[in-house]
Structures are given as structure tokens and as C-alpha cells.
Amino acid sequence: MTGSTANTGDLGLFDTTFSTGATVLSALALLIGIGFMVMGYQDMALPVVGTELSILTGMVGLLAGLFVGLVAFVAAVYMEPGFDDEH
């Protein structure tokens, strides 16, 4: 059995510092995107900036958060360890 088929069940999201950071970034981006969606659906304003959101801007914020979260999650799963992390 080769090494690539032996490790298919383990994603290794918390093995290196890079993959841990990318996983945390992915989760935060997903939560922020959901927050934008909820605030846009309820016609709320952003807490710090004060800009009022519509349902369209809420959906744009959700899609941007999902995009960043997906890219960070793929990077966490498929990136190889760097020079300072030995595996």
C-alpha cells in the first residue's frame, strides 16, 4: 500500500501551524459570511461601520465569505508542510 492511499482518511487539518491557521481562517470566514447574510436579510447596519445592508449586499457578503472559507479549507487540506515543519 502506498503512502498516498494509506492516509486518505486523515485530512490533517491540525498537523502543522499553517494548516491550523488555514482551518481557523476558513471557519471564521464562514461565520462572517453567515453574519453578513443574516444582517442583510434583516436590513441591519454593520456594527462598526454603520453601513446598512440590503438582502443583495448580505448575499454578496455570504458568497465572499464562502469563497475565502473554501479557498482556505482547500489550502489547509492540500498544502505540503513548509521548510520549518518536518514530516
PDB file of N, CA and C in Angstrom:
ATOM      1  N   MET A   1       0.856  -1.167   0.000  1.00  0.00           N
ATOM      2  CA  MET A   1       0.000   0.000   0.000  1.00  0.00           C
ATOM      3  C   MET A   1       0.900   1.227   0.000  1.00  0.00           C
ATOM      4  N   THR A   2       0.598   2.159  -0.871  1.00  0.00           N
ATOM      5  CA  THR A   2       1.424   3.353  -0.966  1.00  0.00           C
ATOM      6  C   THR A   2       1.052   4.355   0.111  1.00  0.00           C
ATOM      7  N   GLY A   3       1.879   5.358   0.293  1.00  0.00           N
ATOM      8  CA  GLY A   3       1.615   6.372   1.314  1.00  0.00           C
ATOM      9  C   GLY A   3       0.420   7.243   0.988  1.00  0.00           C
ATOM     10  N   SER A   4       0.141   7.452  -0.295  1.00  0.00           N
ATOM     11  CA  SER A   4      -0.990   8.309  -0.651  1.00  0.00           C
ATOM     12  C   SER A   4      -2.317   7.616  -0.383  1.00  0.00           C
ATOM     13  N   THR A   5      -2.380   6.307  -0.535  1.00  0.00           N
ATOM     14  CA  THR A   5      -3.643   5.610  -0.267  1.00  0.00           C
ATOM     15  C   THR A   5      -3.803   5.263   1.198  1.00  0.00           C
ATOM     16  N   ALA A   6      -2.718   5.234   1.936  1.00  0.00           N
ATOM     17  CA  ALA A   6      -2.818   4.883   3.352  1.00  0.00           C
ATOM     18  C   ALA A   6      -3.335   6.050   4.184  1.00  0.00           C
ATOM     19  N   ASN A   7      -3.150   7.283   3.730  1.00  0.00           N
ATOM     20  CA  ASN A   7      -3.523   8.452   4.520  1.00  0.00           C
ATOM     21  C   ASN A   7      -4.735   9.192   3.965  1.00  0.00           C
ATOM     22  N   THR A   8      -5.582   8.536   3.221  1.00  0.00           N
ATOM     23  CA  THR A   8      -6.709   9.240   2.614  1.00  0.00           C
ATOM     24  C   THR A   8      -7.789   9.579   3.621  1.00  0.00           C
ATOM     25  N   GLY A   9      -7.934   8.848   4.698  1.00  0.00           N
ATOM     26  CA  GLY A   9      -8.981   9.124   5.676  1.00  0.00           C
ATOM     27  C   GLY A   9      -8.648  10.282   6.607  1.00  0.00           C
ATOM     28  N   ASP A  10      -7.378  10.581   6.797  1.00  0.00           N
ATOM     29  CA  ASP A  10      -6.957  11.642   7.707  1.00  0.00           C
ATOM     30  C   ASP A  10      -6.678  12.911   6.913  1.00  0.00           C
ATOM     31  N   LEU A  11      -7.438  13.985   7.200  1.00  0.00           N
ATOM     32  CA  LEU A  11      -7.235  15.240   6.484  1.00  0.00           C
ATOM     33  C   LEU A  11      -6.030  16.003   7.003  1.00  0.00           C
ATOM     34  N   GLY A  12      -5.676  15.859   8.266  1.00  0.00           N
ATOM     35  CA  GLY A  12      -4.521  16.541   8.829  1.00  0.00           C
ATOM     36  C   GLY A  12      -4.716  18.038   8.957  1.00  0.00           C
ATOM     37  N   LEU A  13      -5.903  18.459   9.403  1.00  0.00           N
ATOM     38  CA  LEU A  13      -6.193  19.887   9.490  1.00  0.00           C
ATOM     39  C   LEU A  13      -5.454  20.570  10.634  1.00  0.00           C
ATOM     40  N   PHE A  14      -4.963  19.825  11.602  1.00  0.00           N
ATOM     41  CA  PHE A  14      -4.278  20.421  12.747  1.00  0.00           C
ATOM     42  C   PHE A  14      -2.876  19.847  12.923  1.00  0.00           C
ATOM     43  N   ASP A  15      -2.271  19.348  11.838  1.00  0.00           N
ATOM     44  CA  ASP A  15      -0.937  18.764  11.934  1.00  0.00           C
ATOM     45  C   ASP A  15       0.162  19.819  11.957  1.00  0.00           C
ATOM     46  N   THR A  16       0.060  20.834  11.129  1.00  0.00           N
ATOM     47  CA  THR A  16       1.082  21.872  11.063  1.00  0.00           C
ATOM     48  C   THR A  16       0.471  23.216  11.460  1.00  0.00           C
ATOM     49  N   THR A  17       1.324  24.188  11.687  1.00  0.00           N
ATOM     50  CA  THR A  17       0.825  25.512  12.061  1.00  0.00           C
ATOM     51  C   THR A  17       0.103  26.177  10.891  1.00  0.00           C
ATOM     52  N   PHE A  18       0.566  25.928   9.665  1.00  0.00           N
ATOM     53  CA  PHE A  18      -0.107  26.501   8.505  1.00  0.00           C
ATOM     54  C   PHE A  18      -1.507  25.935   8.340  1.00  0.00           C
ATOM     55  N   SER A  19      -1.641  24.618   8.441  1.00  0.00           N
ATOM     56  CA  SER A  19      -2.961  24.013   8.253  1.00  0.00           C
ATOM     57  C   SER A  19      -3.908  24.389   9.390  1.00  0.00           C
ATOM     58  N   THR A  20      -3.396  24.563  10.595  1.00  0.00           N
ATOM     59  CA  THR A  20      -4.240  25.010  11.706  1.00  0.00           C
ATOM     60  C   THR A  20      -4.728  26.432  11.469  1.00  0.00           C
ATOM     61  N   GLY A  21      -3.840  27.320  11.042  1.00  0.00           N
ATOM     62  CA  GLY A  21      -4.229  28.693  10.747  1.00  0.00           C
ATOM     63  C   GLY A  21      -5.211  28.789   9.595  1.00  0.00           C
ATOM     64  N   ALA A  22      -5.006  27.984   8.565  1.00  0.00           N
ATOM     65  CA  ALA A  22      -5.920  27.999   7.427  1.00  0.00           C
ATOM     66  C   ALA A  22      -7.286  27.448   7.812  1.00  0.00           C
ATOM     67  N   THR A  23      -7.326  26.460   8.687  1.00  0.00           N
ATOM     68  CA  THR A  23      -8.603  25.919   9.147  1.00  0.00           C
ATOM     69  C   THR A  23      -9.356  26.944   9.983  1.00  0.00           C
ATOM     70  N   VAL A  24      -8.653  27.639  10.851  1.00  0.00           N
ATOM     71  CA  VAL A  24      -9.284  28.687  11.665  1.00  0.00           C
ATOM     72  C   VAL A  24      -9.785  29.821  10.773  1.00  0.00           C
ATOM     73  N   LEU A  25      -8.981  30.225   9.788  1.00  0.00           N
ATOM     74  CA  LEU A  25      -9.407  31.260   8.847  1.00  0.00           C
ATOM     75  C   LEU A  25     -10.647  30.820   8.078  1.00  0.00           C
ATOM     76  N   SER A  26     -10.693  29.568   7.690  1.00  0.00           N
ATOM     77  CA  SER A  26     -11.850  29.048   6.972  1.00  0.00           C
ATOM     78  C   SER A  26     -13.112  29.110   7.824  1.00  0.00           C
ATOM     79  N   ALA A  27     -13.009  28.722   9.079  1.00  0.00           N
ATOM     80  CA  ALA A  27     -14.172  28.753   9.971  1.00  0.00           C
ATOM     81  C   ALA A  27     -14.621  30.190  10.239  1.00  0.00           C
ATOM     82  N   LEU A  28     -13.672  31.100  10.455  1.00  0.00           N
ATOM     83  CA  LEU A  28     -14.032  32.500  10.693  1.00  0.00           C
ATOM     84  C   LEU A  28     -14.675  33.145   9.470  1.00  0.00           C
ATOM     85  N   ALA A  29     -14.154  32.843   8.284  1.00  0.00           N
ATOM     86  CA  ALA A  29     -14.732  33.403   7.064  1.00  0.00           C
ATOM     87  C   ALA A  29     -16.148  32.891   6.855  1.00  0.00           C
ATOM     88  N   LEU A  30     -16.389  31.635   7.178  1.00  0.00           N
ATOM     89  CA  LEU A  30     -17.739  31.083   7.060  1.00  0.00           C
ATOM     90  C   LEU A  30     -18.695  31.759   8.039  1.00  0.00           C
ATOM     91  N   LEU A  31     -18.253  31.966   9.274  1.00  0.00           N
ATOM     92  CA  LEU A  31     -19.110  32.630  10.265  1.00  0.00           C
ATOM     93  C   LEU A  31     -19.376  34.096   9.907  1.00  0.00           C
ATOM     94  N   ILE A  32     -18.365  34.785   9.395  1.00  0.00           N
ATOM     95  CA  ILE A  32     -18.563  36.178   8.992  1.00  0.00           C
ATOM     96  C   ILE A  32     -19.517  36.248   7.806  1.00  0.00           C
ATOM     97  N   GLY A  33     -19.396  35.320   6.860  1.00  0.00           N
ATOM     98  CA  GLY A  33     -20.312  35.290   5.724  1.00  0.00           C
ATOM     99  C   GLY A  33     -21.745  35.042   6.150  1.00  0.00           C
ATOM    100  N   ILE A  34     -21.946  34.146   7.096  1.00  0.00           N
ATOM    101  CA  ILE A  34     -23.295  33.890   7.614  1.00  0.00           C
ATOM    102  C   ILE A  34     -23.810  35.119   8.353  1.00  0.00           C
ATOM    103  N   GLY A  35     -22.937  35.805   9.069  1.00  0.00           N
ATOM    104  CA  GLY A  35     -23.331  37.042   9.744  1.00  0.00           C
ATOM    105  C   GLY A  35     -23.773  38.116   8.757  1.00  0.00           C
ATOM    106  N   PHE A  36     -23.041  38.248   7.651  1.00  0.00           N
ATOM    107  CA  PHE A  36     -23.453  39.192   6.617  1.00  0.00           C
ATOM    108  C   PHE A  36     -24.822  38.819   6.048  1.00  0.00           C
ATOM    109  N   MET A  37     -25.045  37.529   5.833  1.00  0.00           N
ATOM    110  CA  MET A  37     -26.322  37.099   5.289  1.00  0.00           C
ATOM    111  C   MET A  37     -27.472  37.444   6.232  1.00  0.00           C
ATOM    112  N   VAL A  38     -27.295  37.181   7.509  1.00  0.00           N
ATOM    113  CA  VAL A  38     -28.351  37.458   8.490  1.00  0.00           C
ATOM    114  C   VAL A  38     -28.602  38.955   8.601  1.00  0.00           C
ATOM    115  N   MET A  39     -27.521  39.732   8.665  1.00  0.00           N
ATOM    116  CA  MET A  39     -27.698  41.185   8.769  1.00  0.00           C
ATOM    117  C   MET A  39     -28.323  41.769   7.508  1.00  0.00           C
ATOM    118  N   GLY A  40     -27.993  41.214   6.341  1.00  0.00           N
ATOM    119  CA  GLY A  40     -28.615  41.686   5.112  1.00  0.00           C
ATOM    120  C   GLY A  40     -30.064  41.288   5.014  1.00  0.00           C
ATOM    121  N   TYR A  41     -30.400  40.107   5.480  1.00  0.00           N
ATOM    122  CA  TYR A  41     -31.783  39.644   5.432  1.00  0.00           C
ATOM    123  C   TYR A  41     -32.686  40.479   6.341  1.00  0.00           C
ATOM    124  N   GLN A  42     -32.143  40.921   7.472  1.00  0.00           N
ATOM    125  CA  GLN A  42     -32.932  41.691   8.424  1.00  0.00           C
ATOM    126  C   GLN A  42     -32.772  43.196   8.246  1.00  0.00           C
ATOM    127  N   ASP A  43     -32.131  43.628   7.166  1.00  0.00           N
ATOM    128  CA  ASP A  43     -31.888  45.054   6.869  1.00  0.00           C
ATOM    129  C   ASP A  43     -31.223  45.765   8.037  1.00  0.00           C
ATOM    130  N   MET A  44     -30.200  45.138   8.611  1.00  0.00           N
ATOM    131  CA  MET A  44     -29.471  45.725   9.730  1.00  0.00           C
ATOM    132  C   MET A  44     -28.279  46.530   9.204  1.00  0.00           C
ATOM    133  N   ALA A  45     -27.657  47.271  10.092  1.00  0.00           N
ATOM    134  CA  ALA A  45     -26.443  48.005   9.761  1.00  0.00           C
ATOM    135  C   ALA A  45     -25.230  47.267  10.331  1.00  0.00           C
ATOM    136  N   LEU A  46     -24.092  47.440   9.692  1.00  0.00           N
ATOM    137  CA  LEU A  46     -22.863  46.858  10.218  1.00  0.00           C
ATOM    138  C   LEU A  46     -22.535  47.520  11.547  1.00  0.00           C
ATOM    139  N   PRO A  47     -22.127  46.758  12.556  1.00  0.00           N
ATOM    140  CA  PRO A  47     -21.932  47.322  13.898  1.00  0.00           C
ATOM    141  C   PRO A  47     -20.896  48.434  13.984  1.00  0.00           C
ATOM    142  N   VAL A  48     -19.766  48.320  13.336  1.00  0.00           N
ATOM    143  CA  VAL A  48     -18.698  49.311  13.486  1.00  0.00           C
ATOM    144  C   VAL A  48     -18.789  50.388  12.406  1.00  0.00           C
ATOM    145  N   VAL A  49     -19.045  49.991  11.193  1.00  0.00           N
ATOM    146  CA  VAL A  49     -19.027  50.916  10.060  1.00  0.00           C
ATOM    147  C   VAL A  49     -20.319  51.718   9.977  1.00  0.00           C
ATOM    148  N   GLY A  50     -21.446  51.077  10.236  1.00  0.00           N
ATOM    149  CA  GLY A  50     -22.729  51.751  10.206  1.00  0.00           C
ATOM    150  C   GLY A  50     -23.425  51.689   8.869  1.00  0.00           C
ATOM    151  N   THR A  51     -22.839  51.005   7.896  1.00  0.00           N
ATOM    152  CA  THR A  51     -23.447  50.877   6.575  1.00  0.00           C
ATOM    153  C   THR A  51     -24.626  49.919   6.650  1.00  0.00           C
ATOM    154  N   GLU A  52     -25.778  50.344   6.140  1.00  0.00           N
ATOM    155  CA  GLU A  52     -26.955  49.484   6.178  1.00  0.00           C
ATOM    156  C   GLU A  52     -26.885  48.484   5.029  1.00  0.00           C
ATOM    157  N   LEU A  53     -27.210  47.253   5.328  1.00  0.00           N
ATOM    158  CA  LEU A  53     -27.140  46.183   4.348  1.00  0.00           C
ATOM    159  C   LEU A  53     -28.527  45.857   3.808  1.00  0.00           C
ATOM    160  N   SER A  54     -28.591  45.549   2.535  1.00  0.00           N
ATOM    161  CA  SER A  54     -29.823  45.024   1.950  1.00  0.00           C
ATOM    162  C   SER A  54     -29.649  43.521   1.781  1.00  0.00           C
ATOM    163  N   ILE A  55     -30.662  42.863   1.281  1.00  0.00           N
ATOM    164  CA  ILE A  55     -30.547  41.421   1.097  1.00  0.00           C
ATOM    165  C   ILE A  55     -29.507  41.094   0.027  1.00  0.00           C
ATOM    166  N   LEU A  56     -29.353  41.980  -0.964  1.00  0.00           N
ATOM    167  CA  LEU A  56     -28.367  41.754  -2.012  1.00  0.00           C
ATOM    168  C   LEU A  56     -26.946  41.865  -1.464  1.00  0.00           C
ATOM    169  N   THR A  57     -26.666  42.897  -0.674  1.00  0.00           N
ATOM    170  CA  THR A  57     -25.320  43.034  -0.118  1.00  0.00           C
ATOM    171  C   THR A  57     -25.041  41.949   0.923  1.00  0.00           C
ATOM    172  N   GLY A  58     -26.078  41.483   1.599  1.00  0.00           N
ATOM    173  CA  GLY A  58     -25.896  40.365   2.518  1.00  0.00           C
ATOM    174  C   GLY A  58     -25.518  39.088   1.796  1.00  0.00           C
ATOM    175  N   MET A  59     -26.131  38.839   0.642  1.00  0.00           N
ATOM    176  CA  MET A  59     -25.790  37.644  -0.134  1.00  0.00           C
ATOM    177  C   MET A  59     -24.395  37.760  -0.751  1.00  0.00           C
ATOM    178  N   VAL A  60     -24.014  38.965  -1.152  1.00  0.00           N
ATOM    179  CA  VAL A  60     -22.655  39.166  -1.668  1.00  0.00           C
ATOM    180  C   VAL A  60     -21.634  38.902  -0.562  1.00  0.00           C
ATOM    181  N   GLY A  61     -21.926  39.376   0.653  1.00  0.00           N
ATOM    182  CA  GLY A  61     -21.037  39.099   1.783  1.00  0.00           C
ATOM    183  C   GLY A  61     -20.965  37.619   2.105  1.00  0.00           C
ATOM    184  N   LEU A  62     -22.099  36.926   2.002  1.00  0.00           N
ATOM    185  CA  LEU A  62     -22.109  35.477   2.231  1.00  0.00           C
ATOM    186  C   LEU A  62     -21.260  34.764   1.191  1.00  0.00           C
ATOM    187  N   LEU A  63     -21.421  35.111  -0.071  1.00  0.00           N
ATOM    188  CA  LEU A  63     -20.649  34.448  -1.120  1.00  0.00           C
ATOM    189  C   LEU A  63     -19.161  34.756  -1.014  1.00  0.00           C
ATOM    190  N   ALA A  64     -18.811  35.972  -0.621  1.00  0.00           N
ATOM    191  CA  ALA A  64     -17.394  36.302  -0.430  1.00  0.00           C
ATOM    192  C   ALA A  64     -16.811  35.508   0.741  1.00  0.00           C
ATOM    193  N   GLY A  65     -17.580  35.389   1.822  1.00  0.00           N
ATOM    194  CA  GLY A  65     -17.123  34.592   2.955  1.00  0.00           C
ATOM    195  C   GLY A  65     -16.990  33.121   2.613  1.00  0.00           C
ATOM    196  N   LEU A  66     -17.932  32.593   1.839  1.00  0.00           N
ATOM    197  CA  LEU A  66     -17.846  31.197   1.413  1.00  0.00           C
ATOM    198  C   LEU A  66     -16.654  30.959   0.498  1.00  0.00           C
ATOM    199  N   PHE A  67     -16.363  31.923  -0.377  1.00  0.00           N
ATOM    200  CA  PHE A  67     -15.214  31.785  -1.270  1.00  0.00           C
ATOM    201  C   PHE A  67     -13.899  31.758  -0.490  1.00  0.00           C
ATOM    202  N   VAL A  68     -13.729  32.706   0.411  1.00  0.00           N
ATOM    203  CA  VAL A  68     -12.497  32.752   1.217  1.00  0.00           C
ATOM    204  C   VAL A  68     -12.397  31.505   2.092  1.00  0.00           C
ATOM    205  N   GLY A  69     -13.521  31.083   2.672  1.00  0.00           N
ATOM    206  CA  GLY A  69     -13.514  29.891   3.508  1.00  0.00           C
ATOM    207  C   GLY A  69     -13.172  28.635   2.732  1.00  0.00           C
ATOM    208  N   LEU A  70     -13.693  28.517   1.513  1.00  0.00           N
ATOM    209  CA  LEU A  70     -13.404  27.338   0.700  1.00  0.00           C
ATOM    210  C   LEU A  70     -11.947  27.306   0.260  1.00  0.00           C
ATOM    211  N   VAL A  71     -11.415  28.445  -0.149  1.00  0.00           N
ATOM    212  CA  VAL A  71     -10.012  28.504  -0.564  1.00  0.00           C
ATOM    213  C   VAL A  71      -9.093  28.187   0.614  1.00  0.00           C
ATOM    214  N   ALA A  72      -9.397  28.721   1.787  1.00  0.00           N
ATOM    215  CA  ALA A  72      -8.570  28.436   2.967  1.00  0.00           C
ATOM    216  C   ALA A  72      -8.670  26.978   3.380  1.00  0.00           C
ATOM    217  N   PHE A  73      -9.859  26.387   3.257  1.00  0.00           N
ATOM    218  CA  PHE A  73     -10.014  24.974   3.622  1.00  0.00           C
ATOM    219  C   PHE A  73      -9.254  24.068   2.659  1.00  0.00           C
ATOM    220  N   VAL A  74      -9.311  24.367   1.369  1.00  0.00           N
ATOM    221  CA  VAL A  74      -8.560  23.572   0.392  1.00  0.00           C
ATOM    222  C   VAL A  74      -7.063  23.720   0.639  1.00  0.00           C
ATOM    223  N   ALA A  75      -6.628  24.934   0.970  1.00  0.00           N
ATOM    224  CA  ALA A  75      -5.206  25.136   1.284  1.00  0.00           C
ATOM    225  C   ALA A  75      -4.815  24.361   2.539  1.00  0.00           C
ATOM    226  N   ALA A  76      -5.698  24.294   3.529  1.00  0.00           N
ATOM    227  CA  ALA A  76      -5.387  23.555   4.756  1.00  0.00           C
ATOM    228  C   ALA A  76      -5.274  22.064   4.491  1.00  0.00           C
ATOM    229  N   VAL A  77      -6.075  21.559   3.578  1.00  0.00           N
ATOM    230  CA  VAL A  77      -6.064  20.115   3.318  1.00  0.00           C
ATOM    231  C   VAL A  77      -4.904  19.711   2.413  1.00  0.00           C
ATOM    232  N   TYR A  78      -4.637  20.483   1.356  1.00  0.00           N
ATOM    233  CA  TYR A  78      -3.720  20.019   0.320  1.00  0.00           C
ATOM    234  C   TYR A  78      -2.323  20.608   0.355  1.00  0.00           C
ATOM    235  N   MET A  79      -2.044  21.641   1.153  1.00  0.00           N
ATOM    236  CA  MET A  79      -0.715  22.230   1.149  1.00  0.00           C
ATOM    237  C   MET A  79       0.265  21.324   1.881  1.00  0.00           C
ATOM    238  N   GLU A  80       1.450  21.239   1.352  1.00  0.00           N
ATOM    239  CA  GLU A  80       2.507  20.465   1.975  1.00  0.00           C
ATOM    240  C   GLU A  80       3.149  21.298   3.076  1.00  0.00           C
ATOM    241  N   PRO A  81       3.782  20.652   4.056  1.00  0.00           N
ATOM    242  CA  PRO A  81       4.475  21.411   5.113  1.00  0.00           C
ATOM    243  C   PRO A  81       5.615  22.235   4.527  1.00  0.00           C
ATOM    244  N   GLY A  82       5.897  23.369   5.171  1.00  0.00           N
ATOM    245  CA  GLY A  82       6.935  24.266   4.706  1.00  0.00           C
ATOM    246  C   GLY A  82       8.322  23.802   5.112  1.00  0.00           C
ATOM    247  N   PHE A  83       9.281  24.714   5.054  1.00  0.00           N
ATOM    248  CA  PHE A  83      10.666  24.375   5.343  1.00  0.00           C
ATOM    249  C   PHE A  83      10.895  24.096   6.832  1.00  0.00           C
ATOM    250  N   ASP A  84      10.166  24.795   7.715  1.00  0.00           N
ATOM    251  CA  ASP A  84      10.417  24.626   9.146  1.00  0.00           C
ATOM    252  C   ASP A  84       9.628  23.492   9.760  1.00  0.00           C
ATOM    253  N   ASP A  85       8.638  22.957   9.080  1.00  0.00           N
ATOM    254  CA  ASP A  85       7.865  21.830   9.605  1.00  0.00           C
ATOM    255  C   ASP A  85       8.371  20.542   8.975  1.00  0.00           C
ATOM    256  N   GLU A  86       8.822  19.629   9.808  1.00  0.00           N
ATOM    257  CA  GLU A  86       9.343  18.365   9.287  1.00  0.00           C
ATOM    258  C   GLU A  86       8.322  17.262   9.486  1.00  0.00           C
ATOM    259  N   HIS A  87       8.055  16.543   8.411  1.00  0.00           N
ATOM    260  CA  HIS A  87       7.166  15.377   8.477  1.00  0.00           C
ATOM    261  C   HIS A  87       7.861  14.190   7.879  1.00  0.00           C
TER     262      HIS A  87
END
